[in-house]
Amino acid sequence: MGATIGISPAEIVLAAVGVPAFRVGTLGCLDGDDGSKYYVYGHAQEIITAAGYACVFNSGHEVEMIDATSSAPGSGVGAMVGAAMAALADNDWGWFQVYGKGSIRTLASAAVGTLLHSTATPGALDDAATAGLEPIIGLYLGTVSGGSAETNADAYFNYPSIGLTAA
């Protein structure tokens, strides 16, 4: 493990209960054998099921799992997307990956090199471009997600955000 800016590998996977461990919106970096990874510290607006679940940042770094209805006012086009690094209870604080190699929750058989979209399954992305779903710009898979109903797949994050809702 190389350089660390403000965080340790152990802190990345911890949920803070009651009092945040860092200022909300803090950007942290870890350098490792697979390159630099950047994380943003956020506040859960709902239960976040587990590490790897796709989440959207609403105003004030309030975070919820992304789903088909996540782009309500305050979290529409351009809203930041990240992967939770730990399960969080409603009102917990934690880190969300926004840059570098990591993993993201997908539905069955999401393909490499395709545009990923939000789904009706909270926290999971897919390559199907169904009307009413949001494309996620700046995030792509490194491996096919496999045939499982839901699984975490290798992914590359480049400060992902929500694109224009599919018509």
N, C-alpha and C. Protein backbone atom coordinates (compact mmCIF):
# COMPACT_ATOMS: atom_id res chain seq x y z
N MET A 1 0.85 -1.17 0.00
CA MET A 1 0.00 0.00 0.00
C MET A 1 0.89 1.23 0.00
N GLY A 2 0.57 2.18 -0.84
CA GLY A 2 1.35 3.40 -0.98
C GLY A 2 0.76 4.55 -0.19
N ALA A 3 0.69 5.70 -0.85
CA ALA A 3 0.26 6.93 -0.20
C ALA A 3 -1.21 6.90 0.18
N THR A 4 -1.51 7.60 1.27
CA THR A 4 -2.88 7.75 1.73
C THR A 4 -3.12 9.23 2.00
N ILE A 5 -4.25 9.76 1.55
CA ILE A 5 -4.60 11.14 1.83
C ILE A 5 -5.80 11.14 2.76
N GLY A 6 -5.55 11.30 4.04
CA GLY A 6 -6.61 11.50 5.01
C GLY A 6 -7.33 10.27 5.50
N ILE A 7 -7.13 9.12 4.89
CA ILE A 7 -7.87 7.92 5.29
C ILE A 7 -6.94 6.71 5.28
N SER A 8 -7.37 5.67 5.96
CA SER A 8 -6.61 4.42 5.94
C SER A 8 -7.50 3.34 5.30
N PRO A 9 -6.90 2.27 4.81
CA PRO A 9 -7.70 1.19 4.23
C PRO A 9 -8.75 0.65 5.21
N ALA A 10 -8.43 0.62 6.49
CA ALA A 10 -9.38 0.12 7.48
C ALA A 10 -10.57 1.06 7.64
N GLU A 11 -10.35 2.37 7.50
CA GLU A 11 -11.44 3.34 7.66
C GLU A 11 -12.44 3.31 6.50
N ILE A 12 -11.98 2.91 5.33
CA ILE A 12 -12.83 2.90 4.14
C ILE A 12 -14.05 2.02 4.34
N VAL A 13 -13.90 0.91 5.04
CA VAL A 13 -14.98 -0.07 5.17
C VAL A 13 -15.77 0.05 6.48
N LEU A 14 -15.57 1.14 7.21
CA LEU A 14 -16.29 1.33 8.48
C LEU A 14 -17.46 2.29 8.31
N ALA A 15 -18.55 2.00 8.98
CA ALA A 15 -19.68 2.91 9.05
C ALA A 15 -19.58 3.70 10.35
N ALA A 16 -19.80 5.00 10.28
CA ALA A 16 -19.81 5.83 11.49
C ALA A 16 -21.26 5.97 11.95
N VAL A 17 -21.50 5.68 13.21
CA VAL A 17 -22.84 5.75 13.78
C VAL A 17 -22.89 6.90 14.78
N GLY A 18 -23.91 7.75 14.67
CA GLY A 18 -24.09 8.83 15.63
C GLY A 18 -23.33 10.09 15.32
N VAL A 19 -22.03 9.98 15.10
CA VAL A 19 -21.18 11.14 14.82
C VAL A 19 -20.29 10.80 13.63
N PRO A 20 -20.24 11.67 12.61
CA PRO A 20 -19.38 11.37 11.46
C PRO A 20 -17.91 11.39 11.85
N ALA A 21 -17.13 10.50 11.24
CA ALA A 21 -15.69 10.44 11.51
C ALA A 21 -14.92 11.47 10.68
N PHE A 22 -15.54 11.95 9.60
CA PHE A 22 -14.93 12.95 8.71
C PHE A 22 -16.01 13.96 8.33
N ARG A 23 -15.59 15.07 7.78
CA ARG A 23 -16.54 16.05 7.28
C ARG A 23 -17.23 15.48 6.05
N VAL A 24 -18.54 15.59 5.98
CA VAL A 24 -19.29 15.11 4.83
C VAL A 24 -18.80 15.84 3.59
N GLY A 25 -18.56 15.07 2.52
CA GLY A 25 -18.02 15.63 1.28
C GLY A 25 -16.51 15.53 1.16
N THR A 26 -15.84 15.06 2.22
CA THR A 26 -14.39 14.89 2.18
C THR A 26 -14.01 13.92 1.07
N LEU A 27 -12.97 14.26 0.34
CA LEU A 27 -12.42 13.39 -0.71
C LEU A 27 -11.17 12.73 -0.15
N GLY A 28 -11.14 11.40 -0.18
CA GLY A 28 -9.98 10.65 0.31
C GLY A 28 -9.39 9.82 -0.81
N CYS A 29 -8.11 9.53 -0.70
CA CYS A 29 -7.42 8.76 -1.74
C CYS A 29 -6.57 7.67 -1.11
N LEU A 30 -6.58 6.51 -1.73
CA LEU A 30 -5.67 5.43 -1.38
C LEU A 30 -4.92 5.02 -2.63
N ASP A 31 -3.61 4.87 -2.52
CA ASP A 31 -2.78 4.39 -3.62
C ASP A 31 -2.38 2.96 -3.32
N GLY A 32 -2.57 2.07 -4.27
CA GLY A 32 -2.23 0.67 -4.05
C GLY A 32 -1.67 0.04 -5.31
N ASP A 33 -1.52 -1.28 -5.26
CA ASP A 33 -0.98 -2.02 -6.40
C ASP A 33 -1.85 -1.89 -7.65
N ASP A 34 -3.14 -1.67 -7.47
CA ASP A 34 -4.03 -1.53 -8.64
C ASP A 34 -4.37 -0.07 -8.93
N GLY A 35 -3.52 0.86 -8.51
CA GLY A 35 -3.68 2.28 -8.83
C GLY A 35 -4.35 3.08 -7.72
N SER A 36 -4.60 4.33 -8.03
CA SER A 36 -5.24 5.23 -7.07
C SER A 36 -6.74 5.01 -7.07
N LYS A 37 -7.32 5.15 -5.88
CA LYS A 37 -8.76 5.06 -5.71
C LYS A 37 -9.19 6.27 -4.89
N TYR A 38 -10.26 6.91 -5.34
CA TYR A 38 -10.79 8.08 -4.64
C TYR A 38 -12.17 7.77 -4.09
N TYR A 39 -12.44 8.33 -2.92
CA TYR A 39 -13.68 8.09 -2.20
C TYR A 39 -14.23 9.43 -1.71
N VAL A 40 -15.55 9.52 -1.61
CA VAL A 40 -16.21 10.68 -1.04
C VAL A 40 -16.99 10.21 0.18
N TYR A 41 -16.90 11.00 1.26
CA TYR A 41 -17.58 10.67 2.51
C TYR A 41 -19.01 11.21 2.45
N GLY A 42 -19.99 10.34 2.70
CA GLY A 42 -21.38 10.74 2.61
C GLY A 42 -22.23 10.27 3.77
N HIS A 43 -23.45 10.78 3.82
CA HIS A 43 -24.42 10.50 4.88
C HIS A 43 -25.59 9.72 4.29
N ALA A 44 -25.85 8.51 4.79
CA ALA A 44 -26.91 7.65 4.25
C ALA A 44 -28.29 8.19 4.59
N GLN A 45 -29.13 8.35 3.57
CA GLN A 45 -30.52 8.77 3.75
C GLN A 45 -31.44 7.58 3.93
N GLU A 46 -30.91 6.39 3.75
CA GLU A 46 -31.67 5.16 3.88
C GLU A 46 -30.70 4.03 4.17
N ILE A 47 -31.19 2.84 4.41
CA ILE A 47 -30.32 1.68 4.59
C ILE A 47 -29.61 1.40 3.27
N ILE A 48 -28.32 1.23 3.32
CA ILE A 48 -27.53 0.83 2.16
C ILE A 48 -27.08 -0.60 2.44
N THR A 49 -27.54 -1.51 1.61
CA THR A 49 -27.49 -2.94 1.90
C THR A 49 -26.10 -3.49 2.12
N ALA A 50 -25.14 -3.16 1.26
CA ALA A 50 -23.80 -3.76 1.38
C ALA A 50 -22.80 -3.01 0.51
N ALA A 51 -21.54 -3.38 0.67
CA ALA A 51 -20.47 -2.83 -0.17
C ALA A 51 -20.74 -3.15 -1.63
N GLY A 52 -20.42 -2.21 -2.50
CA GLY A 52 -20.57 -2.40 -3.93
C GLY A 52 -21.90 -1.89 -4.48
N TYR A 53 -22.84 -1.59 -3.60
CA TYR A 53 -24.13 -1.10 -4.09
C TYR A 53 -23.98 0.31 -4.65
N ALA A 54 -24.58 0.55 -5.81
CA ALA A 54 -24.52 1.85 -6.47
C ALA A 54 -25.40 2.85 -5.73
N CYS A 55 -24.84 4.02 -5.47
CA CYS A 55 -25.55 5.05 -4.71
C CYS A 55 -25.45 6.39 -5.43
N VAL A 56 -26.45 7.24 -5.22
CA VAL A 56 -26.47 8.57 -5.79
C VAL A 56 -26.37 9.59 -4.65
N PHE A 57 -25.59 10.64 -4.91
CA PHE A 57 -25.43 11.73 -3.95
C PHE A 57 -26.48 12.79 -4.25
N ASN A 58 -27.33 13.06 -3.27
CA ASN A 58 -28.29 14.15 -3.38
C ASN A 58 -27.62 15.41 -2.84
N SER A 59 -28.35 16.49 -2.74
CA SER A 59 -27.77 17.72 -2.23
C SER A 59 -27.21 17.52 -0.82
N GLY A 60 -26.12 18.18 -0.52
CA GLY A 60 -25.51 18.10 0.81
C GLY A 60 -24.84 16.78 1.12
N HIS A 61 -24.48 16.02 0.09
CA HIS A 61 -23.80 14.73 0.24
C HIS A 61 -24.64 13.71 1.01
N GLU A 62 -25.97 13.86 0.88
CA GLU A 62 -26.90 12.85 1.36
C GLU A 62 -26.95 11.76 0.30
N VAL A 63 -26.87 10.50 0.71
CA VAL A 63 -26.69 9.40 -0.24
C VAL A 63 -27.81 8.37 -0.08
N GLU A 64 -28.27 7.85 -1.22
CA GLU A 64 -29.24 6.76 -1.22
C GLU A 64 -28.87 5.79 -2.33
N MET A 65 -29.34 4.54 -2.21
CA MET A 65 -29.09 3.58 -3.27
C MET A 65 -29.83 4.04 -4.53
N ILE A 66 -29.15 3.92 -5.65
CA ILE A 66 -29.75 4.34 -6.91
C ILE A 66 -30.81 3.32 -7.33
N ASP A 67 -31.90 3.83 -7.86
CA ASP A 67 -32.93 2.97 -8.44
C ASP A 67 -33.66 3.77 -9.52
N ALA A 68 -34.72 3.20 -10.05
CA ALA A 68 -35.42 3.84 -11.16
C ALA A 68 -36.01 5.20 -10.80
N THR A 69 -36.18 5.48 -9.52
CA THR A 69 -36.79 6.74 -9.11
C THR A 69 -35.80 7.69 -8.43
N SER A 70 -34.51 7.42 -8.54
CA SER A 70 -33.52 8.23 -7.82
C SER A 70 -33.34 9.63 -8.37
N SER A 71 -33.72 9.89 -9.61
CA SER A 71 -33.48 11.22 -10.12
C SER A 71 -34.63 12.17 -9.88
N ALA A 72 -35.19 12.09 -8.70
CA ALA A 72 -36.16 13.08 -8.26
C ALA A 72 -35.44 14.41 -8.14
N PRO A 73 -36.17 15.52 -7.98
CA PRO A 73 -35.48 16.81 -7.85
C PRO A 73 -34.38 16.75 -6.79
N GLY A 74 -33.23 17.29 -7.14
CA GLY A 74 -32.08 17.27 -6.24
C GLY A 74 -31.09 16.18 -6.57
N SER A 75 -31.48 15.18 -7.37
CA SER A 75 -30.52 14.14 -7.73
C SER A 75 -30.71 13.72 -9.18
N GLY A 76 -30.84 14.70 -10.05
CA GLY A 76 -31.06 14.41 -11.46
C GLY A 76 -29.77 14.38 -12.25
N VAL A 77 -29.85 14.84 -13.49
CA VAL A 77 -28.73 14.82 -14.40
C VAL A 77 -27.51 15.48 -13.76
N GLY A 78 -26.37 14.78 -13.82
CA GLY A 78 -25.12 15.30 -13.27
C GLY A 78 -24.87 14.93 -11.83
N ALA A 79 -25.85 14.34 -11.15
CA ALA A 79 -25.64 13.95 -9.75
C ALA A 79 -24.55 12.89 -9.67
N MET A 80 -23.68 13.00 -8.68
CA MET A 80 -22.56 12.08 -8.49
C MET A 80 -23.06 10.70 -8.07
N VAL A 81 -22.41 9.67 -8.61
CA VAL A 81 -22.72 8.28 -8.29
C VAL A 81 -21.46 7.64 -7.72
N GLY A 82 -21.60 6.78 -6.73
CA GLY A 82 -20.46 6.06 -6.16
C GLY A 82 -20.90 4.71 -5.63
N ALA A 83 -19.94 3.86 -5.34
CA ALA A 83 -20.22 2.54 -4.77
C ALA A 83 -19.96 2.58 -3.27
N ALA A 84 -20.94 2.11 -2.51
CA ALA A 84 -20.79 2.04 -1.05
C ALA A 84 -19.63 1.11 -0.72
N MET A 85 -18.87 1.46 0.29
CA MET A 85 -17.74 0.63 0.72
C MET A 85 -18.10 -0.25 1.91
N ALA A 86 -19.31 -0.06 2.44
CA ALA A 86 -19.79 -0.86 3.58
C ALA A 86 -21.31 -0.76 3.65
N ALA A 87 -21.93 -1.70 4.34
CA ALA A 87 -23.36 -1.58 4.63
C ALA A 87 -23.53 -0.42 5.60
N LEU A 88 -24.57 0.39 5.38
CA LEU A 88 -24.84 1.53 6.25
C LEU A 88 -26.30 1.51 6.67
N ALA A 89 -26.55 1.81 7.91
CA ALA A 89 -27.92 2.01 8.38
C ALA A 89 -28.35 3.41 7.99
N ASP A 90 -29.64 3.66 8.01
CA ASP A 90 -30.15 5.00 7.77
C ASP A 90 -29.51 5.94 8.78
N ASN A 91 -28.97 7.05 8.32
CA ASN A 91 -28.30 8.08 9.13
C ASN A 91 -26.87 7.75 9.52
N ASP A 92 -26.29 6.64 9.02
CA ASP A 92 -24.86 6.38 9.21
C ASP A 92 -24.06 7.20 8.19
N TRP A 93 -22.75 7.26 8.39
CA TRP A 93 -21.85 7.92 7.47
C TRP A 93 -20.86 6.89 6.95
N GLY A 94 -20.40 7.08 5.73
CA GLY A 94 -19.41 6.15 5.18
C GLY A 94 -18.82 6.66 3.88
N TRP A 95 -17.91 5.84 3.33
CA TRP A 95 -17.17 6.19 2.12
C TRP A 95 -17.82 5.55 0.89
N PHE A 96 -17.73 6.27 -0.23
CA PHE A 96 -18.28 5.82 -1.51
C PHE A 96 -17.21 6.02 -2.58
N GLN A 97 -16.88 4.94 -3.31
CA GLN A 97 -15.83 5.04 -4.33
C GLN A 97 -16.34 5.78 -5.55
N VAL A 98 -15.51 6.73 -6.04
CA VAL A 98 -15.86 7.52 -7.22
C VAL A 98 -14.78 7.48 -8.31
N TYR A 99 -13.62 6.92 -8.00
CA TYR A 99 -12.55 6.85 -9.01
C TYR A 99 -11.67 5.64 -8.75
N GLY A 100 -11.24 5.00 -9.83
CA GLY A 100 -10.30 3.88 -9.75
C GLY A 100 -10.99 2.55 -9.93
N LYS A 101 -10.21 1.48 -9.78
CA LYS A 101 -10.72 0.13 -9.94
C LYS A 101 -11.43 -0.30 -8.66
N GLY A 102 -12.63 -0.84 -8.82
CA GLY A 102 -13.41 -1.29 -7.67
C GLY A 102 -14.42 -2.32 -8.11
N SER A 103 -15.57 -2.34 -7.45
CA SER A 103 -16.64 -3.25 -7.87
C SER A 103 -17.98 -2.57 -7.67
N ILE A 104 -18.96 -2.99 -8.48
CA ILE A 104 -20.29 -2.40 -8.46
C ILE A 104 -21.33 -3.50 -8.57
N ARG A 105 -22.46 -3.32 -7.95
CA ARG A 105 -23.57 -4.28 -7.99
C ARG A 105 -24.26 -4.19 -9.35
N THR A 106 -24.46 -5.34 -9.99
CA THR A 106 -25.14 -5.39 -11.29
C THR A 106 -26.21 -6.47 -11.27
N LEU A 107 -27.10 -6.40 -12.25
CA LEU A 107 -28.05 -7.48 -12.46
C LEU A 107 -27.37 -8.56 -13.29
N ALA A 108 -28.08 -9.62 -13.63
CA ALA A 108 -27.50 -10.77 -14.33
C ALA A 108 -26.93 -10.39 -15.70
N SER A 109 -25.72 -10.84 -15.95
CA SER A 109 -25.09 -10.77 -17.27
C SER A 109 -24.94 -9.38 -17.86
N ALA A 110 -24.67 -8.36 -17.06
CA ALA A 110 -24.35 -7.05 -17.61
C ALA A 110 -23.02 -7.17 -18.34
N ALA A 111 -22.97 -6.64 -19.55
CA ALA A 111 -21.82 -6.85 -20.44
C ALA A 111 -20.73 -5.79 -20.26
N VAL A 112 -19.51 -6.19 -20.54
CA VAL A 112 -18.37 -5.28 -20.54
C VAL A 112 -18.52 -4.32 -21.71
N GLY A 113 -18.15 -3.06 -21.51
CA GLY A 113 -18.13 -2.09 -22.60
C GLY A 113 -19.48 -1.53 -22.98
N THR A 114 -20.50 -1.74 -22.16
CA THR A 114 -21.82 -1.18 -22.45
C THR A 114 -22.15 -0.10 -21.44
N LEU A 115 -23.05 0.78 -21.82
CA LEU A 115 -23.50 1.83 -20.93
C LEU A 115 -24.38 1.22 -19.85
N LEU A 116 -24.04 1.47 -18.59
CA LEU A 116 -24.83 0.95 -17.48
C LEU A 116 -25.95 1.93 -17.12
N HIS A 117 -27.06 1.39 -16.61
CA HIS A 117 -28.23 2.19 -16.25
C HIS A 117 -28.71 1.82 -14.85
N SER A 118 -29.45 2.74 -14.24
CA SER A 118 -30.15 2.42 -13.00
C SER A 118 -31.18 1.36 -13.32
N THR A 119 -31.70 0.69 -12.28
CA THR A 119 -32.72 -0.34 -12.45
C THR A 119 -33.78 -0.15 -11.37
N ALA A 120 -34.81 -0.97 -11.41
CA ALA A 120 -35.83 -0.95 -10.37
C ALA A 120 -35.32 -1.63 -9.09
N THR A 121 -34.18 -2.34 -9.19
CA THR A 121 -33.59 -3.01 -8.03
C THR A 121 -32.64 -2.03 -7.34
N PRO A 122 -32.95 -1.56 -6.14
CA PRO A 122 -32.11 -0.57 -5.47
C PRO A 122 -30.64 -1.02 -5.37
N GLY A 123 -29.74 -0.13 -5.80
CA GLY A 123 -28.31 -0.37 -5.69
C GLY A 123 -27.70 -1.18 -6.81
N ALA A 124 -28.50 -1.69 -7.75
CA ALA A 124 -27.98 -2.53 -8.83
C ALA A 124 -28.10 -1.80 -10.17
N LEU A 125 -27.09 -1.98 -11.02
CA LEU A 125 -27.08 -1.39 -12.36
C LEU A 125 -27.19 -2.50 -13.40
N ASP A 126 -27.56 -2.13 -14.62
CA ASP A 126 -27.67 -3.10 -15.71
C ASP A 126 -27.36 -2.39 -17.02
N ASP A 127 -27.17 -3.20 -18.07
CA ASP A 127 -26.88 -2.62 -19.38
C ASP A 127 -28.14 -2.43 -20.23
N ALA A 128 -29.31 -2.71 -19.69
CA ALA A 128 -30.57 -2.50 -20.41
C ALA A 128 -30.97 -1.03 -20.34
N ALA A 129 -31.31 -0.46 -21.50
CA ALA A 129 -31.68 0.96 -21.59
C ALA A 129 -33.19 1.09 -21.68
N THR A 130 -33.88 0.77 -20.61
CA THR A 130 -35.34 0.83 -20.56
C THR A 130 -35.79 2.26 -20.30
N ALA A 131 -36.92 2.64 -20.90
CA ALA A 131 -37.47 3.99 -20.69
C ALA A 131 -37.63 4.29 -19.21
N GLY A 132 -37.25 5.49 -18.81
CA GLY A 132 -37.39 5.93 -17.44
C GLY A 132 -36.18 5.66 -16.56
N LEU A 133 -35.19 4.92 -17.07
CA LEU A 133 -33.99 4.65 -16.29
C LEU A 133 -32.89 5.64 -16.66
N GLU A 134 -31.95 5.84 -15.72
CA GLU A 134 -30.88 6.81 -15.94
C GLU A 134 -29.58 6.11 -16.33
N PRO A 135 -28.92 6.59 -17.40
CA PRO A 135 -27.60 6.06 -17.71
C PRO A 135 -26.59 6.59 -16.69
N ILE A 136 -25.58 5.79 -16.41
CA ILE A 136 -24.53 6.19 -15.49
C ILE A 136 -23.28 6.46 -16.33
N ILE A 137 -22.90 7.70 -16.42
CA ILE A 137 -21.77 8.13 -17.25
C ILE A 137 -20.50 8.07 -16.39
N GLY A 138 -19.40 7.51 -16.94
CA GLY A 138 -18.14 7.47 -16.21
C GLY A 138 -17.93 6.22 -15.38
N LEU A 139 -18.65 5.16 -15.70
CA LEU A 139 -18.51 3.89 -14.97
C LEU A 139 -18.63 2.77 -15.98
N TYR A 140 -17.66 1.86 -16.00
CA TYR A 140 -17.76 0.72 -16.90
C TYR A 140 -17.25 -0.53 -16.23
N LEU A 141 -17.74 -1.67 -16.72
CA LEU A 141 -17.37 -2.95 -16.13
C LEU A 141 -16.06 -3.45 -16.70
N GLY A 142 -15.27 -4.10 -15.85
CA GLY A 142 -14.02 -4.72 -16.27
C GLY A 142 -14.21 -6.18 -16.61
N THR A 143 -15.30 -6.78 -16.10
CA THR A 143 -15.64 -8.17 -16.38
C THR A 143 -17.16 -8.28 -16.51
N VAL A 144 -17.61 -9.29 -17.24
CA VAL A 144 -19.05 -9.57 -17.32
C VAL A 144 -19.52 -9.92 -15.91
N SER A 145 -20.70 -9.48 -15.55
CA SER A 145 -21.16 -9.70 -14.18
C SER A 145 -21.59 -11.13 -13.90
N GLY A 146 -21.70 -11.96 -14.91
CA GLY A 146 -22.04 -13.36 -14.68
C GLY A 146 -23.53 -13.60 -14.74
N GLY A 147 -23.92 -14.81 -14.54
CA GLY A 147 -25.32 -15.19 -14.67
C GLY A 147 -26.13 -15.06 -13.40
N SER A 148 -25.52 -14.69 -12.30
CA SER A 148 -26.25 -14.57 -11.03
C SER A 148 -27.27 -13.44 -11.13
N ALA A 149 -28.33 -13.57 -10.37
CA ALA A 149 -29.38 -12.55 -10.39
C ALA A 149 -28.83 -11.17 -10.02
N GLU A 150 -28.01 -11.10 -8.99
CA GLU A 150 -27.33 -9.87 -8.61
C GLU A 150 -25.94 -10.24 -8.12
N THR A 151 -24.97 -9.49 -8.56
CA THR A 151 -23.60 -9.79 -8.16
C THR A 151 -22.76 -8.52 -8.23
N ASN A 152 -21.64 -8.48 -7.55
CA ASN A 152 -20.70 -7.38 -7.68
C ASN A 152 -19.70 -7.73 -8.76
N ALA A 153 -19.52 -6.83 -9.72
CA ALA A 153 -18.61 -7.05 -10.84
C ALA A 153 -17.46 -6.04 -10.76
N ASP A 154 -16.28 -6.45 -11.29
CA ASP A 154 -15.16 -5.52 -11.39
C ASP A 154 -15.59 -4.32 -12.22
N ALA A 155 -15.23 -3.14 -11.75
CA ALA A 155 -15.64 -1.92 -12.45
C ALA A 155 -14.54 -0.87 -12.35
N TYR A 156 -14.60 0.08 -13.26
CA TYR A 156 -13.68 1.22 -13.28
C TYR A 156 -14.51 2.49 -13.15
N PHE A 157 -14.19 3.28 -12.14
CA PHE A 157 -14.92 4.50 -11.83
C PHE A 157 -14.12 5.71 -12.33
N ASN A 158 -14.79 6.62 -13.02
CA ASN A 158 -14.17 7.85 -13.44
C ASN A 158 -15.15 8.99 -13.10
N TYR A 159 -15.33 9.20 -11.80
CA TYR A 159 -16.26 10.19 -11.27
C TYR A 159 -17.63 10.05 -11.93
N PRO A 160 -18.30 8.90 -11.76
CA PRO A 160 -19.57 8.67 -12.44
C PRO A 160 -20.67 9.63 -12.00
N SER A 161 -21.59 9.87 -12.94
CA SER A 161 -22.73 10.73 -12.69
C SER A 161 -23.93 10.24 -13.48
N ILE A 162 -25.10 10.76 -13.12
CA ILE A 162 -26.33 10.39 -13.80
C ILE A 162 -26.44 11.17 -15.10
N GLY A 163 -26.78 10.46 -16.18
CA GLY A 163 -27.00 11.08 -17.47
C GLY A 163 -28.49 11.36 -17.68
N LEU A 164 -28.84 11.75 -18.89
CA LEU A 164 -30.22 12.04 -19.25
C LEU A 164 -31.08 10.80 -19.22
N THR A 165 -32.22 10.85 -18.58
CA THR A 165 -33.11 9.71 -18.45
C THR A 165 -33.49 9.15 -19.82
N ALA A 166 -33.46 7.81 -19.95
CA ALA A 166 -33.81 7.15 -21.21
C ALA A 166 -35.28 7.38 -21.51
N ALA A 167 -35.57 7.69 -22.78
CA ALA A 167 -36.97 7.92 -23.20
C ALA A 167 -37.62 6.65 -23.68
